[in-house]
Amino acid sequence: MSRIGNLPVKIPAGVTVTVSDNNIVTVKGPKGELKQSIQGGIKVNIDEEDNSITLERPSEQKKQKSLHGLYRSLINNMVIGVSEGYKIVQELVGVGYKASNNGQLLELGLGYSHNIFLQLPKEVKIETVTERGKNPMIILESHDKQLIGQVAAKIRSFRKPEPYKGKGVKYQGEVIRRKAGKAAAAK
């Protein structure tokens, strides 16, 4: 039994959900619009009285169970995204590391011989914050959880945090497991 798949998805005020004939769920809200194709025989039911969405699977096969939970989570993420939105904050830890943006073009100085330029999709809003005495920060906002996660992972991949000094691009609040290094081994 899929515990996640059986949970209903609450539809907040201001959000409309429609299901087309070819099983495409469209979610519209104040932050934007998202679409998701539903496959594998999963049926989407919209309850107008409760303002909720439930999903049903045709059989108890393992594949059906996994798709049941997957599509319920995707629809839930879409509803949250168009109503509240998602925000990811990343820190640049390291001497001389810097970030700036010009519209949707992000420029990163991460200790390489050249700066890195990254063109972001128009669905992702970006803001860079540089304060004296603090690490530079990159703030990403979007209504699409999958897209914002992909962009954040791409930025992080340019310089992952290393375990000795903790330098690199990390998520705000992330704890890096630190290693002692050579000096501790010599004692």
N, C-alpha and C. Protein backbone atom coordinates (compact mmCIF):
# COMPACT_ATOMS: atom_id res chain seq x y z
N MET A 1 0.84 -1.18 0.00
CA MET A 1 0.00 0.00 0.00
C MET A 1 0.89 1.24 0.00
N SER A 2 0.65 2.15 -0.93
CA SER A 2 1.41 3.39 -1.01
C SER A 2 0.81 4.41 -0.06
N ARG A 3 1.52 4.72 0.98
CA ARG A 3 1.00 5.69 1.95
C ARG A 3 0.99 7.09 1.37
N ILE A 4 2.02 7.42 0.61
CA ILE A 4 2.09 8.75 0.01
C ILE A 4 1.00 8.90 -1.05
N GLY A 5 0.85 7.91 -1.92
CA GLY A 5 -0.12 7.98 -3.01
C GLY A 5 -1.55 8.09 -2.54
N ASN A 6 -1.87 7.55 -1.38
CA ASN A 6 -3.25 7.60 -0.88
C ASN A 6 -3.61 8.92 -0.22
N LEU A 7 -2.63 9.74 0.13
CA LEU A 7 -2.92 11.02 0.76
C LEU A 7 -3.55 11.98 -0.24
N PRO A 8 -4.60 12.70 0.16
CA PRO A 8 -5.17 13.70 -0.75
C PRO A 8 -4.29 14.95 -0.81
N VAL A 9 -4.32 15.65 -1.95
CA VAL A 9 -3.59 16.90 -2.12
C VAL A 9 -4.59 18.03 -1.96
N LYS A 10 -4.40 18.88 -0.97
CA LYS A 10 -5.29 20.02 -0.74
C LYS A 10 -5.01 21.11 -1.78
N ILE A 11 -6.09 21.69 -2.32
CA ILE A 11 -5.97 22.77 -3.29
C ILE A 11 -6.26 24.08 -2.56
N PRO A 12 -5.26 24.97 -2.41
CA PRO A 12 -5.49 26.24 -1.72
C PRO A 12 -6.32 27.20 -2.58
N ALA A 13 -6.82 28.26 -1.96
CA ALA A 13 -7.61 29.26 -2.67
C ALA A 13 -6.74 29.96 -3.72
N GLY A 14 -7.31 30.22 -4.87
CA GLY A 14 -6.57 30.89 -5.94
C GLY A 14 -5.86 29.94 -6.89
N VAL A 15 -5.94 28.64 -6.63
CA VAL A 15 -5.29 27.64 -7.49
C VAL A 15 -6.36 26.82 -8.18
N THR A 16 -6.22 26.66 -9.51
CA THR A 16 -7.15 25.82 -10.27
C THR A 16 -6.40 24.64 -10.86
N VAL A 17 -7.03 23.47 -10.77
CA VAL A 17 -6.43 22.24 -11.29
C VAL A 17 -7.40 21.64 -12.31
N THR A 18 -6.88 21.31 -13.51
CA THR A 18 -7.70 20.67 -14.53
C THR A 18 -6.97 19.45 -15.07
N VAL A 19 -7.76 18.45 -15.47
CA VAL A 19 -7.20 17.24 -16.07
C VAL A 19 -7.78 17.11 -17.47
N SER A 20 -6.92 17.06 -18.49
CA SER A 20 -7.38 16.94 -19.87
C SER A 20 -7.67 15.48 -20.22
N ASP A 21 -8.22 15.24 -21.40
CA ASP A 21 -8.58 13.89 -21.83
C ASP A 21 -7.37 12.97 -21.96
N ASN A 22 -6.23 13.53 -22.38
CA ASN A 22 -5.03 12.69 -22.55
C ASN A 22 -4.16 12.69 -21.29
N ASN A 23 -4.81 12.79 -20.10
CA ASN A 23 -4.17 12.67 -18.79
C ASN A 23 -3.03 13.67 -18.56
N ILE A 24 -3.25 14.93 -18.88
CA ILE A 24 -2.29 15.98 -18.57
C ILE A 24 -2.92 16.86 -17.50
N VAL A 25 -2.25 16.95 -16.34
CA VAL A 25 -2.73 17.77 -15.23
C VAL A 25 -2.14 19.16 -15.38
N THR A 26 -3.00 20.19 -15.37
CA THR A 26 -2.57 21.58 -15.46
C THR A 26 -2.93 22.28 -14.16
N VAL A 27 -1.94 22.90 -13.53
CA VAL A 27 -2.15 23.62 -12.28
C VAL A 27 -1.81 25.09 -12.52
N LYS A 28 -2.79 25.98 -12.27
CA LYS A 28 -2.59 27.42 -12.43
C LYS A 28 -2.77 28.10 -11.09
N GLY A 29 -1.92 29.08 -10.83
CA GLY A 29 -2.01 29.82 -9.58
C GLY A 29 -1.41 31.20 -9.74
N PRO A 30 -1.30 31.95 -8.64
CA PRO A 30 -0.78 33.30 -8.72
C PRO A 30 0.69 33.39 -9.16
N LYS A 31 1.48 32.34 -8.91
CA LYS A 31 2.90 32.37 -9.27
C LYS A 31 3.18 31.87 -10.68
N GLY A 32 2.22 31.15 -11.31
CA GLY A 32 2.46 30.65 -12.66
C GLY A 32 1.60 29.45 -12.98
N GLU A 33 2.02 28.73 -14.03
CA GLU A 33 1.28 27.56 -14.50
C GLU A 33 2.25 26.42 -14.76
N LEU A 34 1.86 25.20 -14.35
CA LEU A 34 2.68 24.00 -14.56
C LEU A 34 1.83 22.89 -15.13
N LYS A 35 2.46 22.03 -15.96
CA LYS A 35 1.76 20.88 -16.53
C LYS A 35 2.55 19.62 -16.26
N GLN A 36 1.83 18.50 -16.09
CA GLN A 36 2.47 17.20 -15.87
C GLN A 36 1.64 16.13 -16.55
N SER A 37 2.30 15.30 -17.35
CA SER A 37 1.64 14.17 -18.00
C SER A 37 1.60 13.00 -17.01
N ILE A 38 0.43 12.37 -16.86
CA ILE A 38 0.25 11.24 -15.95
C ILE A 38 0.14 9.97 -16.79
N GLN A 39 1.02 8.99 -16.54
CA GLN A 39 1.02 7.76 -17.31
C GLN A 39 0.89 6.56 -16.39
N GLY A 40 0.85 5.38 -16.96
CA GLY A 40 0.81 4.15 -16.18
C GLY A 40 -0.58 3.80 -15.68
N GLY A 41 -1.62 4.40 -16.26
CA GLY A 41 -2.98 4.07 -15.86
C GLY A 41 -3.43 4.72 -14.56
N ILE A 42 -2.65 5.63 -14.00
CA ILE A 42 -3.04 6.31 -12.77
C ILE A 42 -4.17 7.29 -13.10
N LYS A 43 -5.23 7.25 -12.30
CA LYS A 43 -6.40 8.11 -12.53
C LYS A 43 -6.41 9.25 -11.51
N VAL A 44 -6.61 10.48 -11.99
CA VAL A 44 -6.63 11.66 -11.14
C VAL A 44 -8.08 12.10 -10.93
N ASN A 45 -8.50 12.20 -9.67
CA ASN A 45 -9.86 12.63 -9.33
C ASN A 45 -9.79 13.97 -8.59
N ILE A 46 -10.57 14.95 -9.06
CA ILE A 46 -10.62 16.26 -8.40
C ILE A 46 -11.96 16.36 -7.67
N ASP A 47 -11.90 16.57 -6.35
CA ASP A 47 -13.10 16.68 -5.53
C ASP A 47 -13.37 18.18 -5.29
N GLU A 48 -14.45 18.70 -5.92
CA GLU A 48 -14.77 20.12 -5.84
C GLU A 48 -15.21 20.52 -4.42
N GLU A 49 -15.91 19.62 -3.71
CA GLU A 49 -16.42 19.94 -2.38
C GLU A 49 -15.29 20.11 -1.36
N ASP A 50 -14.36 19.14 -1.34
CA ASP A 50 -13.25 19.17 -0.39
C ASP A 50 -12.08 20.04 -0.84
N ASN A 51 -12.10 20.47 -2.10
CA ASN A 51 -10.95 21.16 -2.71
C ASN A 51 -9.70 20.31 -2.57
N SER A 52 -9.77 19.07 -3.05
CA SER A 52 -8.62 18.17 -2.95
C SER A 52 -8.53 17.30 -4.20
N ILE A 53 -7.35 16.71 -4.37
CA ILE A 53 -7.07 15.81 -5.49
C ILE A 53 -6.68 14.47 -4.89
N THR A 54 -7.25 13.39 -5.45
CA THR A 54 -6.83 12.04 -5.05
C THR A 54 -6.43 11.28 -6.29
N LEU A 55 -5.53 10.32 -6.11
CA LEU A 55 -5.07 9.50 -7.23
C LEU A 55 -5.40 8.05 -6.95
N GLU A 56 -5.79 7.31 -8.01
CA GLU A 56 -6.09 5.89 -7.91
C GLU A 56 -5.23 5.12 -8.88
N ARG A 57 -4.78 3.93 -8.45
CA ARG A 57 -4.00 3.06 -9.33
C ARG A 57 -4.87 1.88 -9.74
N PRO A 58 -4.67 1.35 -10.95
CA PRO A 58 -5.52 0.26 -11.43
C PRO A 58 -5.22 -1.10 -10.80
N SER A 59 -4.00 -1.33 -10.35
CA SER A 59 -3.66 -2.65 -9.80
C SER A 59 -2.64 -2.50 -8.67
N GLU A 60 -2.28 -3.61 -8.06
CA GLU A 60 -1.34 -3.62 -6.94
C GLU A 60 0.08 -4.01 -7.37
N GLN A 61 0.40 -3.89 -8.65
CA GLN A 61 1.74 -4.21 -9.12
C GLN A 61 2.74 -3.19 -8.55
N LYS A 62 3.99 -3.64 -8.45
CA LYS A 62 5.02 -2.77 -7.87
C LYS A 62 5.20 -1.48 -8.68
N LYS A 63 5.19 -1.61 -10.01
CA LYS A 63 5.34 -0.44 -10.88
C LYS A 63 4.20 0.55 -10.66
N GLN A 64 2.97 0.04 -10.55
CA GLN A 64 1.80 0.89 -10.32
C GLN A 64 1.90 1.62 -8.97
N LYS A 65 2.36 0.90 -7.96
CA LYS A 65 2.49 1.50 -6.63
C LYS A 65 3.51 2.64 -6.63
N SER A 66 4.62 2.41 -7.31
CA SER A 66 5.66 3.44 -7.33
C SER A 66 5.20 4.67 -8.12
N LEU A 67 4.50 4.46 -9.23
CA LEU A 67 3.99 5.59 -10.01
C LEU A 67 2.91 6.35 -9.24
N HIS A 68 2.13 5.63 -8.45
CA HIS A 68 1.07 6.23 -7.65
C HIS A 68 1.65 7.29 -6.70
N GLY A 69 2.67 6.90 -5.95
CA GLY A 69 3.31 7.83 -5.03
C GLY A 69 4.06 8.95 -5.74
N LEU A 70 4.70 8.61 -6.85
CA LEU A 70 5.46 9.60 -7.62
C LEU A 70 4.56 10.71 -8.13
N TYR A 71 3.47 10.35 -8.79
CA TYR A 71 2.61 11.37 -9.38
C TYR A 71 1.89 12.19 -8.32
N ARG A 72 1.57 11.58 -7.17
CA ARG A 72 0.97 12.34 -6.08
C ARG A 72 1.95 13.40 -5.59
N SER A 73 3.23 13.04 -5.45
CA SER A 73 4.25 13.99 -4.99
C SER A 73 4.47 15.09 -6.02
N LEU A 74 4.49 14.73 -7.30
CA LEU A 74 4.69 15.74 -8.35
C LEU A 74 3.54 16.75 -8.37
N ILE A 75 2.30 16.26 -8.25
CA ILE A 75 1.14 17.16 -8.25
C ILE A 75 1.17 18.04 -7.00
N ASN A 76 1.54 17.47 -5.86
CA ASN A 76 1.64 18.26 -4.63
C ASN A 76 2.69 19.35 -4.78
N ASN A 77 3.85 19.03 -5.37
CA ASN A 77 4.90 20.03 -5.59
C ASN A 77 4.42 21.13 -6.54
N MET A 78 3.62 20.76 -7.54
CA MET A 78 3.09 21.76 -8.48
C MET A 78 2.13 22.71 -7.76
N VAL A 79 1.24 22.17 -6.92
CA VAL A 79 0.27 22.99 -6.19
C VAL A 79 0.99 23.96 -5.25
N ILE A 80 1.99 23.46 -4.52
CA ILE A 80 2.75 24.32 -3.61
C ILE A 80 3.52 25.38 -4.41
N GLY A 81 4.09 24.97 -5.54
CA GLY A 81 4.88 25.88 -6.36
C GLY A 81 4.09 27.06 -6.90
N VAL A 82 2.89 26.81 -7.44
CA VAL A 82 2.11 27.90 -8.02
C VAL A 82 1.42 28.76 -6.96
N SER A 83 1.29 28.24 -5.73
CA SER A 83 0.66 29.04 -4.68
C SER A 83 1.70 29.79 -3.83
N GLU A 84 2.76 29.10 -3.38
CA GLU A 84 3.76 29.72 -2.51
C GLU A 84 5.09 29.96 -3.21
N GLY A 85 5.52 29.05 -4.07
CA GLY A 85 6.80 29.15 -4.73
C GLY A 85 7.90 28.47 -3.92
N TYR A 86 9.06 28.32 -4.53
CA TYR A 86 10.21 27.69 -3.87
C TYR A 86 11.37 28.65 -3.87
N LYS A 87 12.20 28.54 -2.84
CA LYS A 87 13.35 29.43 -2.69
C LYS A 87 14.55 28.61 -2.23
N ILE A 88 15.69 28.79 -2.89
CA ILE A 88 16.93 28.12 -2.51
C ILE A 88 18.00 29.19 -2.33
N VAL A 89 18.70 29.15 -1.20
CA VAL A 89 19.77 30.09 -0.91
C VAL A 89 21.08 29.32 -0.86
N GLN A 90 22.07 29.80 -1.63
CA GLN A 90 23.39 29.17 -1.66
C GLN A 90 24.44 30.18 -1.20
N GLU A 91 25.46 29.67 -0.48
CA GLU A 91 26.55 30.51 0.01
C GLU A 91 27.83 30.15 -0.73
N LEU A 92 28.66 31.16 -1.01
CA LEU A 92 29.97 30.94 -1.61
C LEU A 92 31.00 31.12 -0.49
N VAL A 93 31.61 30.00 -0.04
CA VAL A 93 32.56 30.03 1.07
C VAL A 93 33.96 29.92 0.48
N GLY A 94 34.76 30.95 0.68
CA GLY A 94 36.12 30.94 0.18
C GLY A 94 36.62 32.35 -0.03
N VAL A 95 37.91 32.55 0.15
CA VAL A 95 38.49 33.88 0.00
C VAL A 95 38.45 34.28 -1.47
N GLY A 96 37.89 35.45 -1.75
CA GLY A 96 37.84 35.96 -3.11
C GLY A 96 36.70 35.40 -3.96
N TYR A 97 35.88 34.52 -3.42
CA TYR A 97 34.75 34.01 -4.18
C TYR A 97 33.70 35.10 -4.29
N LYS A 98 33.13 35.27 -5.49
CA LYS A 98 32.12 36.31 -5.65
C LYS A 98 31.07 35.87 -6.66
N ALA A 99 29.90 36.50 -6.55
CA ALA A 99 28.79 36.23 -7.46
C ALA A 99 28.10 37.54 -7.78
N SER A 100 27.73 37.69 -9.06
CA SER A 100 26.95 38.86 -9.48
C SER A 100 26.06 38.42 -10.63
N ASN A 101 24.96 39.16 -10.79
CA ASN A 101 24.07 38.82 -11.90
C ASN A 101 23.69 40.07 -12.67
N ASN A 102 23.51 39.88 -13.98
CA ASN A 102 23.03 40.93 -14.87
C ASN A 102 21.81 40.35 -15.56
N GLY A 103 20.63 40.60 -15.00
CA GLY A 103 19.42 39.97 -15.52
C GLY A 103 19.45 38.49 -15.19
N GLN A 104 19.36 37.64 -16.22
CA GLN A 104 19.38 36.19 -16.02
C GLN A 104 20.76 35.59 -16.22
N LEU A 105 21.79 36.42 -16.38
CA LEU A 105 23.16 35.94 -16.56
C LEU A 105 23.89 36.01 -15.21
N LEU A 106 24.30 34.86 -14.69
CA LEU A 106 25.01 34.77 -13.42
C LEU A 106 26.50 34.67 -13.69
N GLU A 107 27.28 35.52 -13.01
CA GLU A 107 28.74 35.48 -13.13
C GLU A 107 29.33 35.06 -11.80
N LEU A 108 30.13 34.00 -11.82
CA LEU A 108 30.72 33.45 -10.61
C LEU A 108 32.24 33.52 -10.68
N GLY A 109 32.85 34.02 -9.61
CA GLY A 109 34.30 33.98 -9.45
C GLY A 109 34.62 32.99 -8.36
N LEU A 110 35.08 31.79 -8.73
CA LEU A 110 35.26 30.72 -7.76
C LEU A 110 36.70 30.24 -7.64
N GLY A 111 37.64 31.14 -7.86
CA GLY A 111 39.05 30.79 -7.67
C GLY A 111 39.70 30.17 -8.88
N TYR A 112 38.99 30.05 -10.00
CA TYR A 112 39.59 29.56 -11.24
C TYR A 112 40.26 30.72 -11.96
N SER A 113 41.01 30.44 -13.02
CA SER A 113 41.69 31.49 -13.77
C SER A 113 40.71 32.36 -14.56
N HIS A 114 39.48 31.93 -14.67
CA HIS A 114 38.46 32.66 -15.42
C HIS A 114 37.15 32.66 -14.64
N ASN A 115 36.31 33.63 -14.93
CA ASN A 115 34.98 33.65 -14.31
C ASN A 115 34.05 32.71 -15.06
N ILE A 116 33.04 32.20 -14.36
CA ILE A 116 32.07 31.28 -14.96
C ILE A 116 30.78 32.06 -15.19
N PHE A 117 30.25 31.97 -16.42
CA PHE A 117 28.99 32.62 -16.77
C PHE A 117 27.94 31.54 -16.97
N LEU A 118 26.75 31.73 -16.37
CA LEU A 118 25.66 30.77 -16.50
C LEU A 118 24.38 31.51 -16.83
N GLN A 119 23.78 31.18 -17.98
CA GLN A 119 22.50 31.76 -18.39
C GLN A 119 21.38 30.95 -17.75
N LEU A 120 20.56 31.60 -16.94
CA LEU A 120 19.48 30.91 -16.22
C LEU A 120 18.18 30.99 -17.02
N PRO A 121 17.30 29.99 -16.88
CA PRO A 121 16.01 30.03 -17.55
C PRO A 121 15.15 31.17 -16.98
N LYS A 122 14.22 31.66 -17.81
CA LYS A 122 13.41 32.82 -17.41
C LYS A 122 12.45 32.51 -16.26
N GLU A 123 12.16 31.23 -16.00
CA GLU A 123 11.27 30.85 -14.90
C GLU A 123 11.92 31.00 -13.53
N VAL A 124 13.26 31.13 -13.50
CA VAL A 124 13.99 31.23 -12.24
C VAL A 124 14.42 32.68 -12.03
N LYS A 125 14.00 33.26 -10.90
CA LYS A 125 14.43 34.61 -10.54
C LYS A 125 15.69 34.49 -9.70
N ILE A 126 16.66 35.34 -9.98
CA ILE A 126 17.93 35.27 -9.26
C ILE A 126 18.24 36.60 -8.61
N GLU A 127 18.87 36.50 -7.44
CA GLU A 127 19.34 37.69 -6.73
C GLU A 127 20.66 37.32 -6.08
N THR A 128 21.64 38.21 -6.19
CA THR A 128 22.94 37.97 -5.54
C THR A 128 23.13 39.02 -4.46
N VAL A 129 23.60 38.57 -3.29
CA VAL A 129 23.80 39.47 -2.15
C VAL A 129 25.26 39.38 -1.72
N THR A 130 25.93 40.53 -1.67
CA THR A 130 27.31 40.59 -1.19
C THR A 130 27.38 41.62 -0.09
N GLU A 131 27.63 41.17 1.15
CA GLU A 131 27.77 42.07 2.29
C GLU A 131 29.18 41.96 2.83
N ARG A 132 29.68 43.06 3.30
CA ARG A 132 31.04 43.08 3.85
C ARG A 132 31.12 42.20 5.09
N GLY A 133 32.11 41.31 5.15
CA GLY A 133 32.31 40.45 6.29
C GLY A 133 31.48 39.17 6.26
N LYS A 134 30.66 38.99 5.25
CA LYS A 134 29.85 37.79 5.14
C LYS A 134 30.10 37.13 3.79
N ASN A 135 29.75 35.85 3.69
CA ASN A 135 29.91 35.13 2.43
C ASN A 135 28.90 35.64 1.40
N PRO A 136 29.32 35.75 0.12
CA PRO A 136 28.35 36.11 -0.92
C PRO A 136 27.26 35.04 -1.02
N MET A 137 26.02 35.47 -1.32
CA MET A 137 24.91 34.54 -1.40
C MET A 137 24.19 34.67 -2.74
N ILE A 138 23.68 33.53 -3.20
CA ILE A 138 22.86 33.47 -4.40
C ILE A 138 21.47 33.03 -3.96
N ILE A 139 20.45 33.81 -4.29
CA ILE A 139 19.07 33.49 -3.91
C ILE A 139 18.29 33.18 -5.18
N LEU A 140 17.78 31.95 -5.29
CA LEU A 140 17.00 31.50 -6.44
C LEU A 140 15.55 31.34 -6.02
N GLU A 141 14.61 31.82 -6.86
CA GLU A 141 13.19 31.66 -6.59
C GLU A 141 12.50 31.22 -7.87
N SER A 142 11.54 30.27 -7.73
CA SER A 142 10.79 29.78 -8.88
C SER A 142 9.54 29.06 -8.40
N HIS A 143 8.61 28.82 -9.33
CA HIS A 143 7.42 28.04 -9.00
C HIS A 143 7.60 26.57 -9.37
N ASP A 144 8.67 26.25 -10.10
CA ASP A 144 8.94 24.89 -10.55
C ASP A 144 10.05 24.28 -9.70
N LYS A 145 9.70 23.34 -8.82
CA LYS A 145 10.66 22.74 -7.88
C LYS A 145 11.77 21.99 -8.60
N GLN A 146 11.42 21.26 -9.65
CA GLN A 146 12.40 20.47 -10.39
C GLN A 146 13.42 21.38 -11.07
N LEU A 147 12.95 22.45 -11.70
CA LEU A 147 13.84 23.35 -12.42
C LEU A 147 14.78 24.10 -11.48
N ILE A 148 14.25 24.59 -10.37
CA ILE A 148 15.09 25.34 -9.43
C ILE A 148 16.13 24.43 -8.79
N GLY A 149 15.77 23.18 -8.54
CA GLY A 149 16.72 22.21 -8.00
C GLY A 149 17.84 21.90 -8.98
N GLN A 150 17.49 21.79 -10.26
CA GLN A 150 18.49 21.53 -11.30
C GLN A 150 19.47 22.69 -11.42
N VAL A 151 18.95 23.92 -11.40
CA VAL A 151 19.81 25.11 -11.52
C VAL A 151 20.74 25.20 -10.31
N ALA A 152 20.20 24.96 -9.11
CA ALA A 152 21.03 25.02 -7.89
C ALA A 152 22.11 23.94 -7.92
N ALA A 153 21.78 22.75 -8.39
CA ALA A 153 22.77 21.67 -8.49
C ALA A 153 23.86 22.01 -9.50
N LYS A 154 23.49 22.67 -10.60
CA LYS A 154 24.46 23.08 -11.62
C LYS A 154 25.44 24.11 -11.05
N ILE A 155 24.91 25.09 -10.30
CA ILE A 155 25.77 26.10 -9.69
C ILE A 155 26.72 25.45 -8.69
N ARG A 156 26.19 24.53 -7.88
CA ARG A 156 27.01 23.84 -6.87
C ARG A 156 28.10 22.99 -7.53
N SER A 157 27.81 22.43 -8.71
CA SER A 157 28.77 21.54 -9.37
C SER A 157 30.04 22.26 -9.83
N PHE A 158 30.00 23.59 -9.95
CA PHE A 158 31.19 24.32 -10.37
C PHE A 158 32.30 24.27 -9.32
N ARG A 159 31.93 24.23 -8.03
CA ARG A 159 32.91 24.12 -6.95
C ARG A 159 32.20 23.53 -5.73
N LYS A 160 32.21 22.20 -5.64
CA LYS A 160 31.57 21.54 -4.50
C LYS A 160 32.35 21.82 -3.23
N PRO A 161 31.69 21.87 -2.07
CA PRO A 161 32.41 22.11 -0.81
C PRO A 161 33.39 20.97 -0.53
N GLU A 162 34.61 21.34 -0.18
CA GLU A 162 35.60 20.31 0.11
C GLU A 162 35.70 20.11 1.63
N PRO A 163 36.11 18.92 2.09
CA PRO A 163 36.01 18.58 3.51
C PRO A 163 37.11 19.14 4.40
N TYR A 164 38.16 19.73 3.85
CA TYR A 164 39.28 20.16 4.67
C TYR A 164 39.11 21.59 5.19
N LYS A 165 38.80 22.52 4.31
CA LYS A 165 38.58 23.91 4.73
C LYS A 165 37.12 24.32 4.61
N GLY A 166 36.32 23.50 3.92
CA GLY A 166 34.90 23.82 3.76
C GLY A 166 34.63 24.82 2.65
N LYS A 167 35.62 25.06 1.78
CA LYS A 167 35.45 26.03 0.70
C LYS A 167 34.58 25.44 -0.42
N GLY A 168 33.79 26.31 -1.06
CA GLY A 168 32.97 25.89 -2.19
C GLY A 168 31.59 26.51 -2.13
N VAL A 169 30.71 26.06 -3.01
CA VAL A 169 29.33 26.53 -3.06
C VAL A 169 28.49 25.55 -2.25
N LYS A 170 27.84 26.05 -1.19
CA LYS A 170 27.02 25.18 -0.36
C LYS A 170 25.65 25.79 -0.16
N TYR A 171 24.69 24.94 0.18
CA TYR A 171 23.35 25.40 0.48
C TYR A 171 23.36 26.03 1.87
N GLN A 172 22.53 27.05 2.08
CA GLN A 172 22.47 27.70 3.38
C GLN A 172 21.96 26.71 4.42
N GLY A 173 22.67 26.60 5.51
CA GLY A 173 22.29 25.67 6.57
C GLY A 173 22.88 24.28 6.41
N GLU A 174 23.54 24.01 5.29
CA GLU A 174 24.14 22.70 5.05
C GLU A 174 25.36 22.52 5.95
N VAL A 175 25.51 21.33 6.52
CA VAL A 175 26.65 21.04 7.37
C VAL A 175 27.61 20.16 6.59
N ILE A 176 28.85 20.61 6.49
CA ILE A 176 29.88 19.86 5.76
C ILE A 176 30.67 19.04 6.76
N ARG A 177 30.79 17.72 6.51
CA ARG A 177 31.63 16.88 7.38
C ARG A 177 33.08 17.22 7.12
N ARG A 178 33.78 17.62 8.17
CA ARG A 178 35.15 18.08 8.03
C ARG A 178 36.13 16.97 8.36
N LYS A 179 37.30 17.02 7.69
CA LYS A 179 38.39 16.08 7.96
C LYS A 179 39.55 16.82 8.63
N ALA A 180 40.39 16.09 9.33
CA ALA A 180 41.47 16.69 10.11
C ALA A 180 42.62 17.17 9.24
N GLY A 181 43.02 16.41 8.24
CA GLY A 181 44.15 16.80 7.41
C GLY A 181 45.44 16.17 7.84
N LYS A 182 46.58 16.61 7.22
CA LYS A 182 47.88 15.99 7.47
C LYS A 182 48.44 16.29 8.85
N ALA A 183 48.21 17.48 9.37
CA ALA A 183 48.80 17.89 10.64
C ALA A 183 48.36 17.01 11.79
N ALA A 184 47.11 16.58 11.76
CA ALA A 184 46.59 15.73 12.84
C ALA A 184 47.20 14.32 12.77
N ALA A 185 47.55 13.86 11.59
CA ALA A 185 48.11 12.52 11.42
C ALA A 185 49.56 12.46 11.90
N ALA A 186 50.29 13.58 11.87
CA ALA A 186 51.71 13.60 12.21
C ALA A 186 51.95 13.50 13.72
N LYS A 187 50.97 13.83 14.52
CA LYS A 187 51.16 13.85 15.99
C LYS A 187 51.27 12.50 16.59
